[in-house]
């Protein structure tokens, strides 16, 4: 199966890290669960980018 390369914008990466830290501060382990969910979705996109709905011609959203 063909896998696609996913590029994550630097600002988006920092947002994910900040949100992960916030979740972890709310409840131990919650940040890791969030991070794992994000990684799982990114992995899904590498295998099937068509699962995203096109929001504009330039961008797509999950």
C-alpha atoms as a PDB file:
ATOM      1  CA  UNK A   1       0.000   0.000   0.000  1.00  0.00           C
ATOM      2  CA  UNK A   2       1.315   3.446  -0.889  1.00  0.00           C
ATOM      3  CA  UNK A   3       2.047   5.727   2.052  1.00  0.00           C
ATOM      4  CA  UNK A   4       1.946   9.498   1.741  1.00  0.00           C
ATOM      5  CA  UNK A   5       4.205  12.020   3.421  1.00  0.00           C
ATOM      6  CA  UNK A   6       2.455  14.309   5.889  1.00  0.00           C
ATOM      7  CA  UNK A   7       4.021  17.708   6.526  1.00  0.00           C
ATOM      8  CA  UNK A   8       3.099  19.306   9.838  1.00  0.00           C
ATOM      9  CA  UNK A   9       3.528  23.047  10.007  1.00  0.00           C
ATOM     10  CA  UNK A  10       5.886  24.198  12.760  1.00  0.00           C
ATOM     11  CA  UNK A  11       3.152  26.287  14.393  1.00  0.00           C
ATOM     12  CA  UNK A  12       0.771  23.307  14.345  1.00  0.00           C
ATOM     13  CA  UNK A  13       3.450  21.137  15.946  1.00  0.00           C
ATOM     14  CA  UNK A  14       3.893  23.663  18.764  1.00  0.00           C
ATOM     15  CA  UNK A  15       0.115  23.875  19.188  1.00  0.00           C
ATOM     16  CA  UNK A  16      -0.111  20.095  19.538  1.00  0.00           C
ATOM     17  CA  UNK A  17       2.694  20.120  22.090  1.00  0.00           C
ATOM     18  CA  UNK A  18       1.065  22.949  24.054  1.00  0.00           C
ATOM     19  CA  UNK A  19      -2.311  21.209  24.074  1.00  0.00           C
ATOM     20  CA  UNK A  20      -0.657  17.940  25.110  1.00  0.00           C
ATOM     21  CA  UNK A  21       0.965  19.703  28.059  1.00  0.00           C
ATOM     22  CA  UNK A  22      -2.338  21.344  29.020  1.00  0.00           C
ATOM     23  CA  UNK A  23      -4.165  17.988  28.995  1.00  0.00           C
ATOM     24  CA  UNK A  24      -1.383  16.416  31.045  1.00  0.00           C
ATOM     25  CA  UNK A  25      -1.684  19.225  33.614  1.00  0.00           C
ATOM     26  CA  UNK A  26      -5.430  18.536  33.894  1.00  0.00           C
ATOM     27  CA  UNK A  27      -5.041  14.816  34.471  1.00  0.00           C
ATOM     28  CA  UNK A  28      -1.914  12.661  34.509  1.00  0.00           C
ATOM     29  CA  UNK A  29      -1.829  10.478  31.414  1.00  0.00           C
ATOM     30  CA  UNK A  30      -4.433  12.494  29.522  1.00  0.00           C
ATOM     31  CA  UNK A  31      -1.767  14.390  27.575  1.00  0.00           C
ATOM     32  CA  UNK A  32      -0.216  11.120  26.440  1.00  0.00           C
ATOM     33  CA  UNK A  33      -3.626   9.814  25.368  1.00  0.00           C
ATOM     34  CA  UNK A  34      -4.196  12.986  23.338  1.00  0.00           C
ATOM     35  CA  UNK A  35      -0.747  12.729  21.781  1.00  0.00           C
ATOM     36  CA  UNK A  36      -1.342   9.076  20.862  1.00  0.00           C
ATOM     37  CA  UNK A  37      -4.675   9.988  19.252  1.00  0.00           C
ATOM     38  CA  UNK A  38      -3.002  12.706  17.170  1.00  0.00           C
ATOM     39  CA  UNK A  39      -0.264  10.316  16.060  1.00  0.00           C
ATOM     40  CA  UNK A  40      -2.864   7.689  15.152  1.00  0.00           C
ATOM     41  CA  UNK A  41      -4.754  10.177  12.979  1.00  0.00           C
ATOM     42  CA  UNK A  42      -1.550  11.317  11.269  1.00  0.00           C
ATOM     43  CA  UNK A  43      -0.696   7.676  10.550  1.00  0.00           C
ATOM     44  CA  UNK A  44      -4.191   7.159   9.125  1.00  0.00           C
ATOM     45  CA  UNK A  45      -3.640  10.115   6.811  1.00  0.00           C
ATOM     46  CA  UNK A  46      -0.360   8.679   5.513  1.00  0.00           C
ATOM     47  CA  UNK A  47      -2.264   5.602   4.374  1.00  0.00           C
ATOM     48  CA  UNK A  48      -5.459   7.258   3.170  1.00  0.00           C
ATOM     49  CA  UNK A  49      -5.404  11.040   2.721  1.00  0.00           C
ATOM     50  CA  UNK A  50      -8.853  10.820   1.103  1.00  0.00           C
ATOM     51  CA  UNK A  51     -10.428  10.422   4.556  1.00  0.00           C
ATOM     52  CA  UNK A  52     -10.152  14.194   4.927  1.00  0.00           C
ATOM     53  CA  UNK A  53     -12.835  16.543   3.704  1.00  0.00           C
ATOM     54  CA  UNK A  54     -11.635  19.396   1.550  1.00  0.00           C
ATOM     55  CA  UNK A  55     -12.300  22.739   3.253  1.00  0.00           C
ATOM     56  CA  UNK A  56     -10.702  24.840   0.538  1.00  0.00           C
ATOM     57  CA  UNK A  57      -8.636  24.167  -2.504  1.00  0.00           C
ATOM     58  CA  UNK A  58      -5.474  24.628  -0.476  1.00  0.00           C
ATOM     59  CA  UNK A  59      -6.348  22.976   2.828  1.00  0.00           C
ATOM     60  CA  UNK A  60      -8.237  19.985   4.128  1.00  0.00           C
ATOM     61  CA  UNK A  61      -9.661  19.183   7.551  1.00  0.00           C
ATOM     62  CA  UNK A  62     -10.263  15.927   9.393  1.00  0.00           C
END
